[in-house]
PDB file of N, CA and C in Angstrom:
ATOM      1  N   MET A   1      15.824  -3.347  88.516  1.00  0.00           N
ATOM      2  CA  MET A   1      17.473  -3.125  88.005  1.00  0.00           C
ATOM      3  C   MET A   1      18.166  -4.129  88.900  1.00  0.00           C
ATOM      4  N   LEU A   2      18.162  -3.763  90.267  1.00  0.00           N
ATOM      5  CA  LEU A   2      19.038  -4.578  90.967  1.00  0.00           C
ATOM      6  C   LEU A   2      18.241  -6.137  91.610  1.00  0.00           C
ATOM      7  N   ASN A   3      17.310  -6.599  90.905  1.00  0.00           N
ATOM      8  CA  ASN A   3      17.084  -7.807  91.209  1.00  0.00           C
ATOM      9  C   ASN A   3      17.466  -8.844  90.379  1.00  0.00           C
ATOM     10  N   ASN A   4      18.307  -8.145  89.330  1.00  0.00           N
ATOM     11  CA  ASN A   4      19.034  -8.890  88.159  1.00  0.00           C
ATOM     12  C   ASN A   4      20.377  -9.377  88.919  1.00  0.00           C
ATOM     13  N   ILE A   5      20.823  -8.823  89.898  1.00  0.00           N
ATOM     14  CA  ILE A   5      21.985  -9.406  90.582  1.00  0.00           C
ATOM     15  C   ILE A   5      22.046 -10.870  91.191  1.00  0.00           C
ATOM     16  N   GLY A   6      22.908 -11.301  90.805  1.00  0.00           N
ATOM     17  CA  GLY A   6      23.090 -13.036  91.131  1.00  0.00           C
ATOM     18  C   GLY A   6      23.963 -12.888  92.284  1.00  0.00           C
ATOM     19  N   LEU A   7      24.604 -13.990  92.435  1.00  0.00           N
ATOM     20  CA  LEU A   7      25.548 -14.504  93.571  1.00  0.00           C
ATOM     21  C   LEU A   7      26.817 -13.947  92.657  1.00  0.00           C
ATOM     22  N   PRO A   8      27.106 -14.434  91.704  1.00  0.00           N
ATOM     23  CA  PRO A   8      28.343 -13.429  91.430  1.00  0.00           C
ATOM     24  C   PRO A   8      28.686 -12.019  91.057  1.00  0.00           C
ATOM     25  N   GLY A   9      27.672 -11.174  90.616  1.00  0.00           N
ATOM     26  CA  GLY A   9      27.302 -10.007  90.974  1.00  0.00           C
ATOM     27  C   GLY A   9      27.546  -9.342  92.109  1.00  0.00           C
ATOM     28  N   LEU A  10      27.155 -10.349  93.379  1.00  0.00           N
ATOM     29  CA  LEU A  10      27.187 -10.041  94.716  1.00  0.00           C
ATOM     30  C   LEU A  10      28.695 -10.029  95.107  1.00  0.00           C
ATOM     31  N   LEU A  11      29.297 -11.312  94.818  1.00  0.00           N
ATOM     32  CA  LEU A  11      30.783 -11.173  95.040  1.00  0.00           C
ATOM     33  C   LEU A  11      31.630 -10.531  94.602  1.00  0.00           C
ATOM     34  N   LEU A  12      31.328 -10.320  93.286  1.00  0.00           N
ATOM     35  CA  LEU A  12      32.181  -8.827  92.777  1.00  0.00           C
ATOM     36  C   LEU A  12      32.040  -7.520  93.383  1.00  0.00           C
ATOM     37  N   ILE A  13      30.816  -7.161  93.832  1.00  0.00           N
ATOM     38  CA  ILE A  13      30.515  -6.115  94.513  1.00  0.00           C
ATOM     39  C   ILE A  13      31.646  -6.175  96.076  1.00  0.00           C
ATOM     40  N   ALA A  14      31.414  -7.326  96.525  1.00  0.00           N
ATOM     41  CA  ALA A  14      32.214  -7.587  97.947  1.00  0.00           C
ATOM     42  C   ALA A  14      33.657  -6.839  97.665  1.00  0.00           C
ATOM     43  N   VAL A  15      34.125  -8.011  96.567  1.00  0.00           N
ATOM     44  CA  VAL A  15      35.635  -7.724  96.362  1.00  0.00           C
ATOM     45  C   VAL A  15      35.728  -6.252  96.217  1.00  0.00           C
ATOM     46  N   VAL A  16      35.066  -5.848  95.577  1.00  0.00           N
ATOM     47  CA  VAL A  16      35.617  -4.408  94.923  1.00  0.00           C
ATOM     48  C   VAL A  16      35.530  -3.385  96.498  1.00  0.00           C
ATOM     49  N   VAL A  17      34.445  -3.390  97.108  1.00  0.00           N
ATOM     50  CA  VAL A  17      34.281  -2.795  98.374  1.00  0.00           C
ATOM     51  C   VAL A  17      35.722  -3.156  99.249  1.00  0.00           C
ATOM     52  N   LEU A  18      36.070  -4.745  99.359  1.00  0.00           N
ATOM     53  CA  LEU A  18      37.417  -5.130 100.207  1.00  0.00           C
ATOM     54  C   LEU A  18      38.593  -4.294  99.562  1.00  0.00           C
ATOM     55  N   VAL A  19      38.615  -4.149  98.648  1.00  0.00           N
ATOM     56  CA  VAL A  19      39.600  -3.643  98.019  1.00  0.00           C
ATOM     57  C   VAL A  19      39.757  -2.066  98.297  1.00  0.00           C
ATOM     58  N   LEU A  20      38.656  -1.220  97.741  1.00  0.00           N
ATOM     59  CA  LEU A  20      38.242   0.060  98.094  1.00  0.00           C
ATOM     60  C   LEU A  20      38.715   0.532  99.391  1.00  0.00           C
ATOM     61  N   PHE A  21      38.017   0.136 100.515  1.00  0.00           N
ATOM     62  CA  PHE A  21      38.085   0.107 101.909  1.00  0.00           C
ATOM     63  C   PHE A  21      38.905  -0.590 102.567  1.00  0.00           C
ATOM     64  N   GLY A  22      39.244  -1.642 102.526  1.00  0.00           N
ATOM     65  CA  GLY A  22      40.371  -2.475 103.506  1.00  0.00           C
ATOM     66  C   GLY A  22      39.529  -3.314 104.450  1.00  0.00           C
ATOM     67  N   ARG A  23      40.150  -4.157 104.937  1.00  0.00           N
ATOM     68  CA  ARG A  23      39.444  -4.913 105.840  1.00  0.00           C
ATOM     69  C   ARG A  23      39.570  -4.478 107.031  1.00  0.00           C
ATOM     70  N   GLY A  24      40.075  -3.368 107.552  1.00  0.00           N
ATOM     71  CA  GLY A  24      39.962  -2.844 108.921  1.00  0.00           C
ATOM     72  C   GLY A  24      38.864  -2.159 108.879  1.00  0.00           C
ATOM     73  N   LYS A  25      38.724  -1.228 107.692  1.00  0.00           N
ATOM     74  CA  LYS A  25      37.702  -0.289 107.646  1.00  0.00           C
ATOM     75  C   LYS A  25      36.249  -0.682 107.558  1.00  0.00           C
ATOM     76  N   ILE A  26      36.232  -1.751 106.931  1.00  0.00           N
ATOM     77  CA  ILE A  26      35.264  -2.541 106.958  1.00  0.00           C
ATOM     78  C   ILE A  26      34.578  -3.273 108.433  1.00  0.00           C
ATOM     79  N   SER A  27      35.308  -3.540 108.787  1.00  0.00           N
ATOM     80  CA  SER A  27      35.067  -4.232 110.350  1.00  0.00           C
ATOM     81  C   SER A  27      34.872  -3.202 110.969  1.00  0.00           C
ATOM     82  N   SER A  28      35.287  -2.327 111.292  1.00  0.00           N
ATOM     83  CA  SER A  28      35.351  -1.090 112.133  1.00  0.00           C
ATOM     84  C   SER A  28      33.698  -0.539 111.777  1.00  0.00           C
ATOM     85  N   LEU A  29      33.317  -0.653 110.735  1.00  0.00           N
ATOM     86  CA  LEU A  29      32.271   0.126 110.008  1.00  0.00           C
ATOM     87  C   LEU A  29      31.053  -0.804 110.582  1.00  0.00           C
ATOM     88  N   MET A  30      31.422  -2.508 110.204  1.00  0.00           N
ATOM     89  CA  MET A  30      30.116  -2.949 110.816  1.00  0.00           C
ATOM     90  C   MET A  30      30.183  -3.371 112.395  1.00  0.00           C
ATOM     91  N   GLY A  31      31.240  -2.662 113.079  1.00  0.00           N
ATOM     92  CA  GLY A  31      30.978  -2.543 114.442  1.00  0.00           C
ATOM     93  C   GLY A  31      30.165  -1.577 115.177  1.00  0.00           C
ATOM     94  N   GLU A  32      30.514  -0.395 114.526  1.00  0.00           N
ATOM     95  CA  GLU A  32      29.637   0.712 114.271  1.00  0.00           C
ATOM     96  C   GLU A  32      28.267   0.285 114.160  1.00  0.00           C
ATOM     97  N   VAL A  33      28.073  -0.293 113.333  1.00  0.00           N
ATOM     98  CA  VAL A  33      26.601  -0.618 112.686  1.00  0.00           C
ATOM     99  C   VAL A  33      25.986  -1.453 113.824  1.00  0.00           C
ATOM    100  N   GLY A  34      26.661  -2.523 114.311  1.00  0.00           N
ATOM    101  CA  GLY A  34      26.329  -2.939 115.532  1.00  0.00           C
ATOM    102  C   GLY A  34      25.730  -2.881 116.815  1.00  0.00           C
ATOM    103  N   LYS A  35      26.905  -1.631 117.003  1.00  0.00           N
ATOM    104  CA  LYS A  35      26.382  -0.586 118.180  1.00  0.00           C
ATOM    105  C   LYS A  35      25.437   0.079 118.208  1.00  0.00           C
ATOM    106  N   GLY A  36      24.877   0.766 116.865  1.00  0.00           N
ATOM    107  CA  GLY A  36      23.746   1.345 116.328  1.00  0.00           C
ATOM    108  C   GLY A  36      22.684   0.637 116.469  1.00  0.00           C
ATOM    109  N   ILE A  37      22.802  -0.672 115.793  1.00  0.00           N
ATOM    110  CA  ILE A  37      21.367  -1.588 116.578  1.00  0.00           C
ATOM    111  C   ILE A  37      21.263  -1.636 117.578  1.00  0.00           C
ATOM    112  N   THR A  38      22.163  -2.047 118.449  1.00  0.00           N
ATOM    113  CA  THR A  38      22.107  -2.421 119.732  1.00  0.00           C
ATOM    114  C   THR A  38      21.344  -1.328 120.809  1.00  0.00           C
ATOM    115  N   ALA A  39      21.889   0.022 120.249  1.00  0.00           N
ATOM    116  CA  ALA A  39      20.942   1.026 121.329  1.00  0.00           C
ATOM    117  C   ALA A  39      19.909   1.305 120.639  1.00  0.00           C
ATOM    118  N   PHE A  40      19.630   1.285 119.097  1.00  0.00           N
ATOM    119  CA  PHE A  40      18.117   1.433 118.789  1.00  0.00           C
ATOM    120  C   PHE A  40      17.458   0.609 119.619  1.00  0.00           C
ATOM    121  N   LYS A  41      17.643  -0.949 119.619  1.00  0.00           N
ATOM    122  CA  LYS A  41      16.899  -1.757 120.388  1.00  0.00           C
ATOM    123  C   LYS A  41      16.459  -1.511 121.803  1.00  0.00           C
ATOM    124  N   ARG A  42      17.691  -1.002 122.249  1.00  0.00           N
ATOM    125  CA  ARG A  42      17.549  -0.605 123.905  1.00  0.00           C
ATOM    126  C   ARG A  42      16.665   0.749 124.271  1.00  0.00           C
ATOM    127  N   GLY A  43      16.785   1.468 123.528  1.00  0.00           N
ATOM    128  CA  GLY A  43      15.826   2.927 123.169  1.00  0.00           C
ATOM    129  C   GLY A  43      14.262   2.138 123.182  1.00  0.00           C
ATOM    130  N   VAL A  44      13.969   1.436 122.089  1.00  0.00           N
ATOM    131  CA  VAL A  44      12.522   0.665 121.700  1.00  0.00           C
ATOM    132  C   VAL A  44      12.081   0.127 123.019  1.00  0.00           C
ATOM    133  N   ASP A  45      13.124  -0.735 123.804  1.00  0.00           N
ATOM    134  CA  ASP A  45      12.560  -1.481 125.035  1.00  0.00           C
ATOM    135  C   ASP A  45      12.712  -0.403 126.381  1.00  0.00           C
ATOM    136  N   ASP A  46      12.949   0.649 126.623  1.00  0.00           N
ATOM    137  CA  ASP A  46      12.917   1.350 127.480  1.00  0.00           C
ATOM    138  C   ASP A  46      11.774   2.154 127.312  1.00  0.00           C
ATOM    139  N   GLY A  47      11.398   2.602 125.968  1.00  0.00           N
ATOM    140  CA  GLY A  47      10.295   3.293 125.233  1.00  0.00           C
ATOM    141  C   GLY A  47       8.687   2.614 125.801  1.00  0.00           C
ATOM    142  N   LYS A  48       8.926   1.357 125.661  1.00  0.00           N
ATOM    143  CA  LYS A  48       8.079  -0.038 125.861  1.00  0.00           C
ATOM    144  C   LYS A  48       7.920   0.352 127.691  1.00  0.00           C
ATOM    145  N   LYS A  49       9.086   0.107 128.016  1.00  0.00           N
ATOM    146  CA  LYS A  49       9.141   0.193 129.379  1.00  0.00           C
ATOM    147  C   LYS A  49       8.207   1.400 129.978  1.00  0.00           C
ATOM    148  N   GLU A  50       8.612   2.512 129.338  1.00  0.00           N
ATOM    149  CA  GLU A  50       8.061   3.392 130.067  1.00  0.00           C
ATOM    150  C   GLU A  50       6.448   3.588 129.735  1.00  0.00           C
ATOM    151  N   LEU A  51       6.088   3.304 128.630  1.00  0.00           N
ATOM    152  CA  LEU A  51       4.711   3.473 128.559  1.00  0.00           C
ATOM    153  C   LEU A  51       3.983   2.478 129.387  1.00  0.00           C
ATOM    154  N   ASP A  52       4.488   1.034 129.593  1.00  0.00           N
ATOM    155  CA  ASP A  52       4.138  -0.003 130.346  1.00  0.00           C
ATOM    156  C   ASP A  52       3.723   0.769 131.898  1.00  0.00           C
ATOM    157  N   ASP A  53       4.924   1.532 132.484  1.00  0.00           N
ATOM    158  CA  ASP A  53       5.067   2.059 133.601  1.00  0.00           C
ATOM    159  C   ASP A  53       3.833   3.027 133.626  1.00  0.00           C
ATOM    160  N   SER A  54       3.812   4.178 132.687  1.00  0.00           N
ATOM    161  CA  SER A  54       2.695   5.024 132.829  1.00  0.00           C
ATOM    162  C   SER A  54       1.081   4.306 132.881  1.00  0.00           C
ATOM    163  N   PHE A  55       1.049   3.063 131.924  1.00  0.00           N
ATOM    164  CA  PHE A  55      -0.386   2.563 132.106  1.00  0.00           C
ATOM    165  C   PHE A  55      -0.920   1.855 133.162  1.00  0.00           C
ATOM    166  N   ALA A  56       0.264   1.603 133.894  1.00  0.00           N
ATOM    167  CA  ALA A  56      -0.007   0.857 135.339  1.00  0.00           C
ATOM    168  C   ALA A  56      -0.326   1.679 136.289  1.00  0.00           C
ATOM    169  N   ASP A  57       0.291   3.210 136.152  1.00  0.00           N
ATOM    170  CA  ASP A  57      -0.002   4.502 137.179  1.00  0.00           C
ATOM    171  C   ASP A  57      -1.055   4.995 136.906  1.00  0.00           C
ATOM    172  N   ALA A  58      -1.839   4.483 135.458  1.00  0.00           N
ATOM    173  CA  ALA A  58      -3.176   4.941 135.516  1.00  0.00           C
ATOM    174  C   ALA A  58      -4.178   4.539 136.204  1.00  0.00           C
ATOM    175  N   ARG A  59      -5.246   5.473 136.470  1.00  0.00           N
ATOM    176  CA  ARG A  59      -6.471   4.839 137.524  1.00  0.00           C
ATOM    177  C   ARG A  59      -7.786   5.074 136.553  1.00  0.00           C
ATOM    178  N   ASP A  60      -8.607   3.848 136.954  1.00  0.00           N
ATOM    179  CA  ASP A  60      -9.746   3.937 136.276  1.00  0.00           C
ATOM    180  C   ASP A  60     -10.685   4.855 137.019  1.00  0.00           C
ATOM    181  N   VAL A  61     -11.163   5.990 136.233  1.00  0.00           N
ATOM    182  CA  VAL A  61     -12.166   6.992 136.572  1.00  0.00           C
ATOM    183  C   VAL A  61     -13.115   6.402 135.745  1.00  0.00           C
ATOM    184  N   SER A  62     -13.778   5.265 135.020  1.00  0.00           N
ATOM    185  CA  SER A  62     -14.908   5.213 134.585  1.00  0.00           C
ATOM    186  C   SER A  62     -15.985   4.985 136.169  1.00  0.00           C
ATOM    187  N   PRO A  63     -17.224   5.250 135.801  1.00  0.00           N
ATOM    188  CA  PRO A  63     -18.193   4.693 136.870  1.00  0.00           C
ATOM    189  C   PRO A  63     -18.186   3.179 137.099  1.00  0.00           C
ATOM    190  N   ASP A  64     -18.069   2.950 138.480  1.00  0.00           N
ATOM    191  CA  ASP A  64     -18.682   1.648 138.743  1.00  0.00           C
ATOM    192  C   ASP A  64     -19.997   1.405 138.820  1.00  0.00           C
ATOM    193  N   ALA A  65     -20.273   0.156 138.338  1.00  0.00           N
ATOM    194  CA  ALA A  65     -21.548  -0.274 137.849  1.00  0.00           C
ATOM    195  C   ALA A  65     -22.076  -0.839 139.393  1.00  0.00           C
ATOM    196  N   THR A  66     -21.326  -0.943 140.373  1.00  0.00           N
ATOM    197  CA  THR A  66     -22.020  -1.551 141.757  1.00  0.00           C
ATOM    198  C   THR A  66     -21.834  -0.540 142.700  1.00  0.00           C
ATOM    199  N   VAL A  67     -21.503   0.788 142.207  1.00  0.00           N
ATOM    200  CA  VAL A  67     -21.692   1.933 143.437  1.00  0.00           C
ATOM    201  C   VAL A  67     -23.163   2.429 142.561  1.00  0.00           C
ATOM    202  N   LYS A  68     -23.941   2.732 143.808  1.00  0.00           N
ATOM    203  CA  LYS A  68     -25.219   3.442 143.492  1.00  0.00           C
ATOM    204  C   LYS A  68     -25.226   4.914 143.878  1.00  0.00           C
ATOM    205  N   THR A  69     -25.901   5.519 143.232  1.00  0.00           N
ATOM    206  CA  THR A  69     -26.133   6.738 143.109  1.00  0.00           C
ATOM    207  C   THR A  69     -27.171   7.504 143.868  1.00  0.00           C
ATOM    208  N   ASP A  70     -27.402   8.872 144.167  1.00  0.00           N
ATOM    209  CA  ASP A  70     -28.315   9.485 144.734  1.00  0.00           C
ATOM    210  C   ASP A  70     -29.657   8.925 144.215  1.00  0.00           C
ATOM    211  N   LYS A  71     -29.868   8.980 142.893  1.00  0.00           N
ATOM    212  CA  LYS A  71     -31.120   8.521 141.977  1.00  0.00           C
ATOM    213  C   LYS A  71     -31.057   7.368 142.087  1.00  0.00           C
ATOM    214  N   ASP A  72     -30.456   6.401 142.018  1.00  0.00           N
ATOM    215  CA  ASP A  72     -30.750   4.694 142.169  1.00  0.00           C
ATOM    216  C   ASP A  72     -31.435   4.687 143.426  1.00  0.00           C
ATOM    217  N   LYS A  73     -31.258   5.466 144.693  1.00  0.00           N
ATOM    218  CA  LYS A  73     -32.119   5.275 146.120  1.00  0.00           C
ATOM    219  C   LYS A  73     -33.621   5.242 145.845  1.00  0.00           C
ATOM    220  N   VAL A  74     -34.109   6.542 144.977  1.00  0.00           N
ATOM    221  CA  VAL A  74     -35.374   6.626 144.913  1.00  0.00           C
ATOM    222  C   VAL A  74     -36.318   5.332 144.969  1.00  0.00           C
TER     223      VAL A  74
END
């Protein structure tokens, strides 16, 4: 249904939305959308940083191949 909308249809929809809401309301709405996207990206970056920090603090507890145990000394 929506894949049949061409350029004239999109222009008609844009004009109708502009008439219904006005230019000021649309610009403030787009500003809020931009702030939301910025906040989302900042949250994703903070989450990645937190994960990287937690991985950096993790220590390796696997047995080291160079360390000899009592069984190896026999």
